[in-house]
């Protein structure tokens, strides 16, 4: 028995944040939205996909952003993503220690969730 891969990553958001989520994950990070199953769509939130990565944003009634725990996404143009996020007014943290073989930064989504962006060098 073994774990084969990750199917998706889920982050939380407060109720009613779907448009903010769409703006950030589609327009800044380049995901596209995929439909949620009808039963799950009733709960709110949104699902996104890029290449072989799925990201689910779920509504949490007592929402608190994940400021430490985070997904890390491999990207092909970190500088452009940082620039787009900064232009959109999103918080960026480039102060993390270097990691051999990568350029990296943390961006915070509109709800304050931390997301690591990594580019192989």
PDB file of N, CA and C in Angstrom:
ATOM      1  N   UNK A   1       0.840  -1.170   0.000  1.00  0.00           N
ATOM      2  CA  UNK A   1       0.000   0.000   0.000  1.00  0.00           C
ATOM      3  C   UNK A   1       0.885   1.232   0.000  1.00  0.00           C
ATOM      4  N   UNK A   2       0.573   2.208  -0.894  1.00  0.00           N
ATOM      5  CA  UNK A   2       1.348   3.440  -0.944  1.00  0.00           C
ATOM      6  C   UNK A   2       0.513   4.579  -1.505  1.00  0.00           C
ATOM      7  N   UNK A   3       0.900   5.785  -1.169  1.00  0.00           N
ATOM      8  CA  UNK A   3       0.259   6.970  -1.733  1.00  0.00           C
ATOM      9  C   UNK A   3       0.883   7.203  -3.100  1.00  0.00           C
ATOM     10  N   UNK A   4       0.059   7.411  -4.126  1.00  0.00           N
ATOM     11  CA  UNK A   4       0.545   7.523  -5.497  1.00  0.00           C
ATOM     12  C   UNK A   4       0.771   8.961  -5.943  1.00  0.00           C
ATOM     13  N   UNK A   5      -0.103   9.862  -5.538  1.00  0.00           N
ATOM     14  CA  UNK A   5       0.037  11.259  -5.942  1.00  0.00           C
ATOM     15  C   UNK A   5      -0.958  12.089  -5.155  1.00  0.00           C
ATOM     16  N   UNK A   6      -0.916  13.380  -5.363  1.00  0.00           N
ATOM     17  CA  UNK A   6      -1.909  14.274  -4.773  1.00  0.00           C
ATOM     18  C   UNK A   6      -3.000  14.503  -5.812  1.00  0.00           C
ATOM     19  N   UNK A   7      -4.238  14.327  -5.405  1.00  0.00           N
ATOM     20  CA  UNK A   7      -5.365  14.579  -6.300  1.00  0.00           C
ATOM     21  C   UNK A   7      -5.654  16.079  -6.379  1.00  0.00           C
ATOM     22  N   UNK A   8      -5.682  16.737  -5.227  1.00  0.00           N
ATOM     23  CA  UNK A   8      -5.928  18.179  -5.189  1.00  0.00           C
ATOM     24  C   UNK A   8      -5.437  18.742  -3.854  1.00  0.00           C
ATOM     25  N   UNK A   9      -5.319  20.047  -3.815  1.00  0.00           N
ATOM     26  CA  UNK A   9      -5.015  20.776  -2.594  1.00  0.00           C
ATOM     27  C   UNK A   9      -6.227  21.643  -2.304  1.00  0.00           C
ATOM     28  N   UNK A  10      -6.598  21.749  -1.037  1.00  0.00           N
ATOM     29  CA  UNK A  10      -7.718  22.619  -0.696  1.00  0.00           C
ATOM     30  C   UNK A  10      -7.254  23.721   0.242  1.00  0.00           C
ATOM     31  N   UNK A  11      -7.693  24.933  -0.065  1.00  0.00           N
ATOM     32  CA  UNK A  11      -7.526  26.086   0.797  1.00  0.00           C
ATOM     33  C   UNK A  11      -8.914  26.563   1.200  1.00  0.00           C
ATOM     34  N   UNK A  12      -8.984  27.328   2.263  1.00  0.00           N
ATOM     35  CA  UNK A  12     -10.272  27.825   2.731  1.00  0.00           C
ATOM     36  C   UNK A  12     -10.419  29.314   2.443  1.00  0.00           C
ATOM     37  N   UNK A  13     -11.669  29.740   2.461  1.00  0.00           N
ATOM     38  CA  UNK A  13     -12.003  31.155   2.300  1.00  0.00           C
ATOM     39  C   UNK A  13     -13.278  31.426   3.085  1.00  0.00           C
ATOM     40  N   UNK A  14     -13.561  32.703   3.362  1.00  0.00           N
ATOM     41  CA  UNK A  14     -14.836  33.021   4.004  1.00  0.00           C
ATOM     42  C   UNK A  14     -15.981  32.938   2.995  1.00  0.00           C
ATOM     43  N   UNK A  15     -17.185  32.827   3.496  1.00  0.00           N
ATOM     44  CA  UNK A  15     -18.376  32.787   2.637  1.00  0.00           C
ATOM     45  C   UNK A  15     -18.428  34.036   1.761  1.00  0.00           C
ATOM     46  N   UNK A  16     -18.830  33.843   0.507  1.00  0.00           N
ATOM     47  CA  UNK A  16     -19.007  34.955  -0.415  1.00  0.00           C
ATOM     48  C   UNK A  16     -17.741  35.424  -1.106  1.00  0.00           C
ATOM     49  N   UNK A  17     -16.645  34.688  -0.971  1.00  0.00           N
ATOM     50  CA  UNK A  17     -15.376  35.116  -1.551  1.00  0.00           C
ATOM     51  C   UNK A  17     -15.072  34.569  -2.931  1.00  0.00           C
ATOM     52  N   UNK A  18     -16.042  33.956  -3.578  1.00  0.00           N
ATOM     53  CA  UNK A  18     -15.781  33.301  -4.866  1.00  0.00           C
ATOM     54  C   UNK A  18     -15.217  34.243  -5.929  1.00  0.00           C
ATOM     55  N   UNK A  19     -15.753  35.444  -6.048  1.00  0.00           N
ATOM     56  CA  UNK A  19     -15.252  36.359  -7.088  1.00  0.00           C
ATOM     57  C   UNK A  19     -13.815  36.790  -6.810  1.00  0.00           C
ATOM     58  N   UNK A  20     -13.488  37.036  -5.555  1.00  0.00           N
ATOM     59  CA  UNK A  20     -12.098  37.363  -5.200  1.00  0.00           C
ATOM     60  C   UNK A  20     -11.190  36.185  -5.519  1.00  0.00           C
ATOM     61  N   UNK A  21     -11.664  34.978  -5.232  1.00  0.00           N
ATOM     62  CA  UNK A  21     -10.877  33.780  -5.527  1.00  0.00           C
ATOM     63  C   UNK A  21     -10.650  33.658  -7.029  1.00  0.00           C
ATOM     64  N   UNK A  22     -11.696  33.847  -7.808  1.00  0.00           N
ATOM     65  CA  UNK A  22     -11.572  33.761  -9.267  1.00  0.00           C
ATOM     66  C   UNK A  22     -10.588  34.802  -9.795  1.00  0.00           C
ATOM     67  N   UNK A  23     -10.699  36.032  -9.312  1.00  0.00           N
ATOM     68  CA  UNK A  23      -9.800  37.083  -9.770  1.00  0.00           C
ATOM     69  C   UNK A  23      -8.340  36.709  -9.500  1.00  0.00           C
ATOM     70  N   UNK A  24      -8.058  36.237  -8.319  1.00  0.00           N
ATOM     71  CA  UNK A  24      -6.681  35.896  -7.956  1.00  0.00           C
ATOM     72  C   UNK A  24      -6.179  34.644  -8.675  1.00  0.00           C
ATOM     73  N   UNK A  25      -6.916  33.548  -8.544  1.00  0.00           N
ATOM     74  CA  UNK A  25      -6.402  32.274  -9.059  1.00  0.00           C
ATOM     75  C   UNK A  25      -6.435  32.196 -10.581  1.00  0.00           C
ATOM     76  N   UNK A  26      -7.351  32.885 -11.223  1.00  0.00           N
ATOM     77  CA  UNK A  26      -7.412  32.891 -12.689  1.00  0.00           C
ATOM     78  C   UNK A  26      -6.533  34.006 -13.256  1.00  0.00           C
ATOM     79  N   UNK A  27      -6.762  35.234 -12.836  1.00  0.00           N
ATOM     80  CA  UNK A  27      -6.083  36.384 -13.450  1.00  0.00           C
ATOM     81  C   UNK A  27      -4.643  36.582 -12.992  1.00  0.00           C
ATOM     82  N   UNK A  28      -4.311  36.170 -11.788  1.00  0.00           N
ATOM     83  CA  UNK A  28      -2.947  36.342 -11.290  1.00  0.00           C
ATOM     84  C   UNK A  28      -2.134  35.065 -11.485  1.00  0.00           C
ATOM     85  N   UNK A  29      -2.635  33.930 -11.011  1.00  0.00           N
ATOM     86  CA  UNK A  29      -1.843  32.691 -11.073  1.00  0.00           C
ATOM     87  C   UNK A  29      -2.065  31.869 -12.330  1.00  0.00           C
ATOM     88  N   UNK A  30      -3.080  32.177 -13.127  1.00  0.00           N
ATOM     89  CA  UNK A  30      -3.245  31.491 -14.410  1.00  0.00           C
ATOM     90  C   UNK A  30      -4.000  30.179 -14.373  1.00  0.00           C
ATOM     91  N   UNK A  31      -4.681  29.875 -13.287  1.00  0.00           N
ATOM     92  CA  UNK A  31      -5.540  28.690 -13.248  1.00  0.00           C
ATOM     93  C   UNK A  31      -6.775  28.956 -14.119  1.00  0.00           C
ATOM     94  N   UNK A  32      -7.516  27.912 -14.429  1.00  0.00           N
ATOM     95  CA  UNK A  32      -8.851  28.080 -15.008  1.00  0.00           C
ATOM     96  C   UNK A  32      -9.831  27.355 -14.094  1.00  0.00           C
ATOM     97  N   UNK A  33     -11.065  27.828 -14.084  1.00  0.00           N
ATOM     98  CA  UNK A  33     -12.058  27.233 -13.200  1.00  0.00           C
ATOM     99  C   UNK A  33     -12.625  25.969 -13.828  1.00  0.00           C
ATOM    100  N   UNK A  34     -12.837  24.977 -12.994  1.00  0.00           N
ATOM    101  CA  UNK A  34     -13.482  23.739 -13.425  1.00  0.00           C
ATOM    102  C   UNK A  34     -14.776  23.582 -12.609  1.00  0.00           C
ATOM    103  N   UNK A  35     -15.781  22.935 -13.189  1.00  0.00           N
ATOM    104  CA  UNK A  35     -17.054  22.820 -12.472  1.00  0.00           C
ATOM    105  C   UNK A  35     -16.957  21.898 -11.267  1.00  0.00           C
ATOM    106  N   UNK A  36     -17.660  22.302 -10.225  1.00  0.00           N
ATOM    107  CA  UNK A  36     -17.806  21.442  -9.048  1.00  0.00           C
ATOM    108  C   UNK A  36     -19.002  20.518  -9.284  1.00  0.00           C
ATOM    109  N   UNK A  37     -18.987  19.311  -8.735  1.00  0.00           N
ATOM    110  CA  UNK A  37     -20.186  18.472  -8.800  1.00  0.00           C
ATOM    111  C   UNK A  37     -21.374  19.207  -8.163  1.00  0.00           C
ATOM    112  N   UNK A  38     -22.564  18.995  -8.699  1.00  0.00           N
ATOM    113  CA  UNK A  38     -23.761  19.728  -8.268  1.00  0.00           C
ATOM    114  C   UNK A  38     -23.963  19.696  -6.757  1.00  0.00           C
ATOM    115  N   UNK A  39     -23.802  18.544  -6.151  1.00  0.00           N
ATOM    116  CA  UNK A  39     -24.005  18.433  -4.700  1.00  0.00           C
ATOM    117  C   UNK A  39     -23.014  19.291  -3.927  1.00  0.00           C
ATOM    118  N   UNK A  40     -21.773  19.353  -4.399  1.00  0.00           N
ATOM    119  CA  UNK A  40     -20.752  20.137  -3.708  1.00  0.00           C
ATOM    120  C   UNK A  40     -20.867  21.631  -4.023  1.00  0.00           C
ATOM    121  N   UNK A  41     -21.384  21.969  -5.190  1.00  0.00           N
ATOM    122  CA  UNK A  41     -21.524  23.371  -5.576  1.00  0.00           C
ATOM    123  C   UNK A  41     -22.451  24.122  -4.627  1.00  0.00           C
ATOM    124  N   UNK A  42     -23.381  23.413  -4.015  1.00  0.00           N
ATOM    125  CA  UNK A  42     -24.312  24.033  -3.068  1.00  0.00           C
ATOM    126  C   UNK A  42     -23.583  24.630  -1.870  1.00  0.00           C
ATOM    127  N   UNK A  43     -22.384  24.156  -1.595  1.00  0.00           N
ATOM    128  CA  UNK A  43     -21.621  24.614  -0.429  1.00  0.00           C
ATOM    129  C   UNK A  43     -20.849  25.899  -0.695  1.00  0.00           C
ATOM    130  N   UNK A  44     -20.834  26.357  -1.937  1.00  0.00           N
ATOM    131  CA  UNK A  44     -20.030  27.518  -2.298  1.00  0.00           C
ATOM    132  C   UNK A  44     -18.605  27.096  -2.603  1.00  0.00           C
ATOM    133  N   UNK A  45     -17.728  28.083  -2.769  1.00  0.00           N
ATOM    134  CA  UNK A  45     -16.346  27.791  -3.110  1.00  0.00           C
ATOM    135  C   UNK A  45     -16.162  27.668  -4.607  1.00  0.00           C
ATOM    136  N   UNK A  46     -14.978  27.272  -5.001  1.00  0.00           N
ATOM    137  CA  UNK A  46     -14.652  27.135  -6.420  1.00  0.00           C
ATOM    138  C   UNK A  46     -13.492  26.159  -6.577  1.00  0.00           C
ATOM    139  N   UNK A  47     -13.443  25.507  -7.732  1.00  0.00           N
ATOM    140  CA  UNK A  47     -12.345  24.595  -8.062  1.00  0.00           C
ATOM    141  C   UNK A  47     -11.589  25.151  -9.254  1.00  0.00           C
ATOM    142  N   UNK A  48     -10.266  24.988  -9.210  1.00  0.00           N
ATOM    143  CA  UNK A  48      -9.397  25.497 -10.262  1.00  0.00           C
ATOM    144  C   UNK A  48      -8.411  24.415 -10.683  1.00  0.00           C
ATOM    145  N   UNK A  49      -7.878  24.583 -11.907  1.00  0.00           N
ATOM    146  CA  UNK A  49      -6.923  23.618 -12.445  1.00  0.00           C
ATOM    147  C   UNK A  49      -5.907  24.344 -13.320  1.00  0.00           C
ATOM    148  N   UNK A  50      -4.675  23.842 -13.289  1.00  0.00           N
ATOM    149  CA  UNK A  50      -3.618  24.296 -14.191  1.00  0.00           C
ATOM    150  C   UNK A  50      -2.705  23.109 -14.440  1.00  0.00           C
ATOM    151  N   UNK A  51      -2.588  22.731 -15.710  1.00  0.00           N
ATOM    152  CA  UNK A  51      -1.815  21.530 -16.054  1.00  0.00           C
ATOM    153  C   UNK A  51      -2.338  20.352 -15.227  1.00  0.00           C
ATOM    154  N   UNK A  52      -1.479  19.733 -14.400  1.00  0.00           N
ATOM    155  CA  UNK A  52      -1.912  18.569 -13.619  1.00  0.00           C
ATOM    156  C   UNK A  52      -2.154  18.917 -12.150  1.00  0.00           C
ATOM    157  N   UNK A  53      -2.399  20.195 -11.850  1.00  0.00           N
ATOM    158  CA  UNK A  53      -2.631  20.651 -10.477  1.00  0.00           C
ATOM    159  C   UNK A  53      -4.090  21.074 -10.328  1.00  0.00           C
ATOM    160  N   UNK A  54      -4.768  20.524  -9.321  1.00  0.00           N
ATOM    161  CA  UNK A  54      -6.113  20.964  -8.982  1.00  0.00           C
ATOM    162  C   UNK A  54      -6.084  21.641  -7.623  1.00  0.00           C
ATOM    163  N   UNK A  55      -6.783  22.761  -7.535  1.00  0.00           N
ATOM    164  CA  UNK A  55      -6.883  23.530  -6.304  1.00  0.00           C
ATOM    165  C   UNK A  55      -8.362  23.750  -6.013  1.00  0.00           C
ATOM    166  N   UNK A  56      -8.784  23.362  -4.821  1.00  0.00           N
ATOM    167  CA  UNK A  56     -10.160  23.561  -4.394  1.00  0.00           C
ATOM    168  C   UNK A  56     -10.165  24.642  -3.322  1.00  0.00           C
ATOM    169  N   UNK A  57     -11.065  25.605  -3.465  1.00  0.00           N
ATOM    170  CA  UNK A  57     -11.218  26.647  -2.464  1.00  0.00           C
ATOM    171  C   UNK A  57     -12.580  26.430  -1.819  1.00  0.00           C
ATOM    172  N   UNK A  58     -12.564  26.064  -0.549  1.00  0.00           N
ATOM    173  CA  UNK A  58     -13.802  25.748   0.150  1.00  0.00           C
ATOM    174  C   UNK A  58     -14.172  26.822   1.160  1.00  0.00           C
ATOM    175  N   UNK A  59     -15.457  26.957   1.402  1.00  0.00           N
ATOM    176  CA  UNK A  59     -15.965  27.931   2.368  1.00  0.00           C
ATOM    177  C   UNK A  59     -15.839  27.344   3.767  1.00  0.00           C
ATOM    178  N   UNK A  60     -15.264  28.136   4.657  1.00  0.00           N
ATOM    179  CA  UNK A  60     -15.128  27.744   6.062  1.00  0.00           C
ATOM    180  C   UNK A  60     -15.845  28.788   6.905  1.00  0.00           C
ATOM    181  N   UNK A  61     -16.822  28.345   7.701  1.00  0.00           N
ATOM    182  CA  UNK A  61     -17.663  29.306   8.430  1.00  0.00           C
ATOM    183  C   UNK A  61     -16.858  30.119   9.445  1.00  0.00           C
ATOM    184  N   UNK A  62     -15.926  29.519  10.128  1.00  0.00           N
ATOM    185  CA  UNK A  62     -15.081  30.240  11.093  1.00  0.00           C
ATOM    186  C   UNK A  62     -13.693  30.392  10.476  1.00  0.00           C
ATOM    187  N   UNK A  63     -13.625  31.104   9.362  1.00  0.00           N
ATOM    188  CA  UNK A  63     -12.411  31.178   8.553  1.00  0.00           C
ATOM    189  C   UNK A  63     -11.261  31.882   9.263  1.00  0.00           C
ATOM    190  N   UNK A  64     -10.091  31.264   9.163  1.00  0.00           N
ATOM    191  CA  UNK A  64      -8.817  31.856   9.567  1.00  0.00           C
ATOM    192  C   UNK A  64      -7.814  31.490   8.472  1.00  0.00           C
ATOM    193  N   UNK A  65      -7.078  32.458   7.921  1.00  0.00           N
ATOM    194  CA  UNK A  65      -6.156  32.133   6.828  1.00  0.00           C
ATOM    195  C   UNK A  65      -5.015  31.231   7.295  1.00  0.00           C
ATOM    196  N   UNK A  66      -4.539  30.411   6.385  1.00  0.00           N
ATOM    197  CA  UNK A  66      -3.367  29.561   6.633  1.00  0.00           C
ATOM    198  C   UNK A  66      -2.131  30.411   6.348  1.00  0.00           C
ATOM    199  N   UNK A  67      -1.529  30.982   7.382  1.00  0.00           N
ATOM    200  CA  UNK A  67      -0.382  31.872   7.212  1.00  0.00           C
ATOM    201  C   UNK A  67       0.937  31.099   7.226  1.00  0.00           C
ATOM    202  N   UNK A  68       0.943  29.875   7.736  1.00  0.00           N
ATOM    203  CA  UNK A  68       2.155  29.061   7.769  1.00  0.00           C
ATOM    204  C   UNK A  68       2.006  27.854   6.834  1.00  0.00           C
ATOM    205  N   UNK A  69       0.987  27.033   7.068  1.00  0.00           N
ATOM    206  CA  UNK A  69       0.742  25.878   6.195  1.00  0.00           C
ATOM    207  C   UNK A  69       0.438  26.402   4.796  1.00  0.00           C
ATOM    208  N   UNK A  70       0.914  25.691   3.765  1.00  0.00           N
ATOM    209  CA  UNK A  70       0.739  26.212   2.404  1.00  0.00           C
ATOM    210  C   UNK A  70       1.009  25.145   1.362  1.00  0.00           C
ATOM    211  N   UNK A  71       0.385  25.296   0.182  1.00  0.00           N
ATOM    212  CA  UNK A  71       0.810  24.491  -0.961  1.00  0.00           C
ATOM    213  C   UNK A  71       2.006  25.181  -1.612  1.00  0.00           C
ATOM    214  N   UNK A  72       2.810  24.422  -2.320  1.00  0.00           N
ATOM    215  CA  UNK A  72       3.921  24.971  -3.101  1.00  0.00           C
ATOM    216  C   UNK A  72       3.712  24.545  -4.545  1.00  0.00           C
ATOM    217  N   UNK A  73       3.623  25.532  -5.437  1.00  0.00           N
ATOM    218  CA  UNK A  73       3.391  25.262  -6.847  1.00  0.00           C
ATOM    219  C   UNK A  73       4.657  25.549  -7.642  1.00  0.00           C
ATOM    220  N   UNK A  74       5.018  24.609  -8.516  1.00  0.00           N
ATOM    221  CA  UNK A  74       6.116  24.851  -9.453  1.00  0.00           C
ATOM    222  C   UNK A  74       5.586  25.718 -10.582  1.00  0.00           C
ATOM    223  N   UNK A  75       6.343  26.761 -10.925  1.00  0.00           N
ATOM    224  CA  UNK A  75       5.930  27.701 -11.969  1.00  0.00           C
ATOM    225  C   UNK A  75       7.053  27.835 -12.992  1.00  0.00           C
ATOM    226  N   UNK A  76       6.712  28.396 -14.161  1.00  0.00           N
ATOM    227  CA  UNK A  76       7.737  28.539 -15.196  1.00  0.00           C
ATOM    228  C   UNK A  76       8.228  29.974 -15.371  1.00  0.00           C
ATOM    229  N   UNK A  77       7.642  30.930 -14.646  1.00  0.00           N
ATOM    230  CA  UNK A  77       8.079  32.321 -14.760  1.00  0.00           C
ATOM    231  C   UNK A  77       7.738  33.051 -13.466  1.00  0.00           C
ATOM    232  N   UNK A  78       8.538  32.814 -12.441  1.00  0.00           N
ATOM    233  CA  UNK A  78       8.283  33.371 -11.121  1.00  0.00           C
ATOM    234  C   UNK A  78       8.251  34.895 -11.142  1.00  0.00           C
ATOM    235  N   UNK A  79       9.178  35.522 -11.852  1.00  0.00           N
ATOM    236  CA  UNK A  79       9.242  36.981 -11.854  1.00  0.00           C
ATOM    237  C   UNK A  79       7.957  37.617 -12.386  1.00  0.00           C
ATOM    238  N   UNK A  80       7.394  37.049 -13.445  1.00  0.00           N
ATOM    239  CA  UNK A  80       6.148  37.587 -13.993  1.00  0.00           C
ATOM    240  C   UNK A  80       5.002  37.405 -13.014  1.00  0.00           C
ATOM    241  N   UNK A  81       4.928  36.247 -12.360  1.00  0.00           N
ATOM    242  CA  UNK A  81       3.855  36.024 -11.385  1.00  0.00           C
ATOM    243  C   UNK A  81       3.977  36.986 -10.207  1.00  0.00           C
ATOM    244  N   UNK A  82       5.206  37.215  -9.739  1.00  0.00           N
ATOM    245  CA  UNK A  82       5.413  38.171  -8.645  1.00  0.00           C
ATOM    246  C   UNK A  82       4.967  39.561  -9.080  1.00  0.00           C
ATOM    247  N   UNK A  83       5.347  39.950 -10.283  1.00  0.00           N
ATOM    248  CA  UNK A  83       4.971  41.270 -10.801  1.00  0.00           C
ATOM    249  C   UNK A  83       3.453  41.410 -10.906  1.00  0.00           C
ATOM    250  N   UNK A  84       2.781  40.385 -11.429  1.00  0.00           N
ATOM    251  CA  UNK A  84       1.321  40.427 -11.546  1.00  0.00           C
ATOM    252  C   UNK A  84       0.665  40.526 -10.175  1.00  0.00           C
ATOM    253  N   UNK A  85       1.171  39.758  -9.221  1.00  0.00           N
ATOM    254  CA  UNK A  85       0.600  39.784  -7.870  1.00  0.00           C
ATOM    255  C   UNK A  85       0.823  41.144  -7.213  1.00  0.00           C
ATOM    256  N   UNK A  86       2.013  41.695  -7.374  1.00  0.00           N
ATOM    257  CA  UNK A  86       2.286  43.016  -6.809  1.00  0.00           C
ATOM    258  C   UNK A  86       1.401  44.072  -7.460  1.00  0.00           C
ATOM    259  N   UNK A  87       1.245  44.021  -8.773  1.00  0.00           N
ATOM    260  CA  UNK A  87       0.385  44.975  -9.482  1.00  0.00           C
ATOM    261  C   UNK A  87      -1.060  44.869  -9.017  1.00  0.00           C
ATOM    262  N   UNK A  88      -1.475  43.672  -8.628  1.00  0.00           N
ATOM    263  CA  UNK A  88      -2.833  43.460  -8.138  1.00  0.00           C
ATOM    264  C   UNK A  88      -3.005  43.817  -6.672  1.00  0.00           C
ATOM    265  N   UNK A  89      -1.908  44.218  -6.016  1.00  0.00           N
ATOM    266  CA  UNK A  89      -1.986  44.607  -4.615  1.00  0.00           C
ATOM    267  C   UNK A  89      -1.911  43.448  -3.632  1.00  0.00           C
ATOM    268  N   UNK A  90      -1.475  42.288  -4.095  1.00  0.00           N
ATOM    269  CA  UNK A  90      -1.381  41.126  -3.211  1.00  0.00           C
ATOM    270  C   UNK A  90      -0.055  41.121  -2.458  1.00  0.00           C
ATOM    271  N   UNK A  91      -0.094  40.606  -1.252  1.00  0.00           N
ATOM    272  CA  UNK A  91       1.092  40.527  -0.400  1.00  0.00           C
ATOM    273  C   UNK A  91       2.068  39.488  -0.947  1.00  0.00           C
ATOM    274  N   UNK A  92       3.349  39.866  -1.003  1.00  0.00           N
ATOM    275  CA  UNK A  92       4.424  38.988  -1.474  1.00  0.00           C
ATOM    276  C   UNK A  92       5.497  38.927  -0.396  1.00  0.00           C
ATOM    277  N   UNK A  93       6.079  37.763  -0.190  1.00  0.00           N
ATOM    278  CA  UNK A  93       7.201  37.608   0.737  1.00  0.00           C
ATOM    279  C   UNK A  93       8.330  36.903  -0.008  1.00  0.00           C
ATOM    280  N   UNK A  94       9.423  37.619  -0.238  1.00  0.00           N
ATOM    281  CA  UNK A  94      10.592  37.030  -0.898  1.00  0.00           C
ATOM    282  C   UNK A  94      11.742  36.864   0.085  1.00  0.00           C
ATOM    283  N   UNK A  95      11.454  36.930   1.378  1.00  0.00           N
ATOM    284  CA  UNK A  95      12.514  36.919   2.395  1.00  0.00           C
ATOM    285  C   UNK A  95      12.868  35.526   2.906  1.00  0.00           C
ATOM    286  N   UNK A  96      12.286  34.497   2.345  1.00  0.00           N
ATOM    287  CA  UNK A  96      12.582  33.143   2.814  1.00  0.00           C
ATOM    288  C   UNK A  96      14.011  32.748   2.438  1.00  0.00           C
ATOM    289  N   UNK A  97      14.635  31.880   3.238  1.00  0.00           N
ATOM    290  CA  UNK A  97      15.994  31.433   2.913  1.00  0.00           C
ATOM    291  C   UNK A  97      16.022  30.734   1.552  1.00  0.00           C
ATOM    292  N   UNK A  98      17.163  30.807   0.858  1.00  0.00           N
ATOM    293  CA  UNK A  98      17.262  30.134  -0.445  1.00  0.00           C
ATOM    294  C   UNK A  98      17.095  28.622  -0.312  1.00  0.00           C
ATOM    295  N   UNK A  99      16.637  28.026  -1.373  1.00  0.00           N
ATOM    296  CA  UNK A  99      16.488  26.579  -1.461  1.00  0.00           C
ATOM    297  C   UNK A  99      17.240  26.150  -2.713  1.00  0.00           C
ATOM    298  N   UNK A 100      18.236  25.290  -2.558  1.00  0.00           N
ATOM    299  CA  UNK A 100      19.073  24.890  -3.692  1.00  0.00           C
ATOM    300  C   UNK A 100      18.232  24.468  -4.896  1.00  0.00           C
ATOM    301  N   UNK A 101      18.550  25.065  -6.046  1.00  0.00           N
ATOM    302  CA  UNK A 101      17.909  24.686  -7.296  1.00  0.00           C
ATOM    303  C   UNK A 101      16.635  25.438  -7.614  1.00  0.00           C
ATOM    304  N   UNK A 102      16.216  26.372  -6.744  1.00  0.00           N
ATOM    305  CA  UNK A 102      14.947  27.071  -6.953  1.00  0.00           C
ATOM    306  C   UNK A 102      15.065  28.562  -6.658  1.00  0.00           C
ATOM    307  N   UNK A 103      14.307  29.343  -7.423  1.00  0.00           N
ATOM    308  CA  UNK A 103      13.929  30.696  -7.034  1.00  0.00           C
ATOM    309  C   UNK A 103      12.548  30.521  -6.437  1.00  0.00           C
ATOM    310  N   UNK A 104      12.242  31.270  -5.375  1.00  0.00           N
ATOM    311  CA  UNK A 104      10.923  31.080  -4.782  1.00  0.00           C
ATOM    312  C   UNK A 104      10.443  32.331  -4.070  1.00  0.00           C
ATOM    313  N   UNK A 105       9.149  32.392  -3.886  1.00  0.00           N
ATOM    314  CA  UNK A 105       8.503  33.489  -3.173  1.00  0.00           C
ATOM    315  C   UNK A 105       7.184  32.972  -2.617  1.00  0.00           C
ATOM    316  N   UNK A 106       6.695  33.670  -1.630  1.00  0.00           N
ATOM    317  CA  UNK A 106       5.361  33.386  -1.105  1.00  0.00           C
ATOM    318  C   UNK A 106       4.444  34.531  -1.490  1.00  0.00           C
ATOM    319  N   UNK A 107       3.267  34.174  -1.955  1.00  0.00           N
ATOM    320  CA  UNK A 107       2.226  35.145  -2.262  1.00  0.00           C
ATOM    321  C   UNK A 107       1.042  34.777  -1.373  1.00  0.00           C
ATOM    322  N   UNK A 108       0.287  35.778  -0.988  1.00  0.00           N
ATOM    323  CA  UNK A 108      -0.872  35.545  -0.134  1.00  0.00           C
ATOM    324  C   UNK A 108      -2.133  35.853  -0.927  1.00  0.00           C
ATOM    325  N   UNK A 109      -3.046  34.884  -0.957  1.00  0.00           N
ATOM    326  CA  UNK A 109      -4.273  35.061  -1.726  1.00  0.00           C
ATOM    327  C   UNK A 109      -5.141  36.156  -1.096  1.00  0.00           C
ATOM    328  N   UNK A 110      -6.282  36.499  -1.678  1.00  0.00           N
ATOM    329  CA  UNK A 110      -7.086  37.606  -1.155  1.00  0.00           C
ATOM    330  C   UNK A 110      -7.611  37.382   0.257  1.00  0.00           C
ATOM    331  N   UNK A 111      -7.506  36.152   0.741  1.00  0.00           N
ATOM    332  CA  UNK A 111      -8.014  35.815   2.071  1.00  0.00           C
ATOM    333  C   UNK A 111      -6.884  35.681   3.092  1.00  0.00           C
ATOM    334  N   UNK A 112      -5.631  35.845   2.629  1.00  0.00           N
ATOM    335  CA  UNK A 112      -4.476  35.758   3.526  1.00  0.00           C
ATOM    336  C   UNK A 112      -3.813  34.401   3.573  1.00  0.00           C
ATOM    337  N   UNK A 113      -4.257  33.439   2.764  1.00  0.00           N
ATOM    338  CA  UNK A 113      -3.621  32.123   2.716  1.00  0.00           C
ATOM    339  C   UNK A 113      -2.267  32.228   2.024  1.00  0.00           C
ATOM    340  N   UNK A 114      -1.273  31.586   2.585  1.00  0.00           N
ATOM    341  CA  UNK A 114       0.084  31.581   2.038  1.00  0.00           C
ATOM    342  C   UNK A 114       0.205  30.533   0.934  1.00  0.00           C
ATOM    343  N   UNK A 115       0.833  30.923  -0.173  1.00  0.00           N
ATOM    344  CA  UNK A 115       1.067  30.016  -1.294  1.00  0.00           C
ATOM    345  C   UNK A 115       2.512  30.207  -1.727  1.00  0.00           C
ATOM    346  N   UNK A 116       3.260  29.116  -1.790  1.00  0.00           N
ATOM    347  CA  UNK A 116       4.651  29.193  -2.241  1.00  0.00           C
ATOM    348  C   UNK A 116       4.703  28.957  -3.739  1.00  0.00           C
ATOM    349  N   UNK A 117       5.444  29.821  -4.430  1.00  0.00           N
ATOM    350  CA  UNK A 117       5.681  29.673  -5.866  1.00  0.00           C
ATOM    351  C   UNK A 117       7.156  29.378  -6.046  1.00  0.00           C
ATOM    352  N   UNK A 118       7.476  28.314  -6.773  1.00  0.00           N
ATOM    353  CA  UNK A 118       8.851  27.874  -6.950  1.00  0.00           C
ATOM    354  C   UNK A 118       9.171  27.689  -8.412  1.00  0.00           C
ATOM    355  N   UNK A 119      10.337  28.205  -8.836  1.00  0.00           N
ATOM    356  CA  UNK A 119      10.797  28.014 -10.199  1.00  0.00           C
ATOM    357  C   UNK A 119      12.154  27.332 -10.154  1.00  0.00           C
ATOM    358  N   UNK A 120      12.264  26.213 -10.886  1.00  0.00           N
ATOM    359  CA  UNK A 120      13.560  25.518 -10.954  1.00  0.00           C
ATOM    360  C   UNK A 120      14.564  26.371 -11.719  1.00  0.00           C
ATOM    361  N   UNK A 121      15.778  26.414 -11.206  1.00  0.00           N
ATOM    362  CA  UNK A 121      16.838  27.168 -11.897  1.00  0.00           C
ATOM    363  C   UNK A 121      17.993  26.249 -12.263  1.00  0.00           C
TER     364      UNK A 121
END
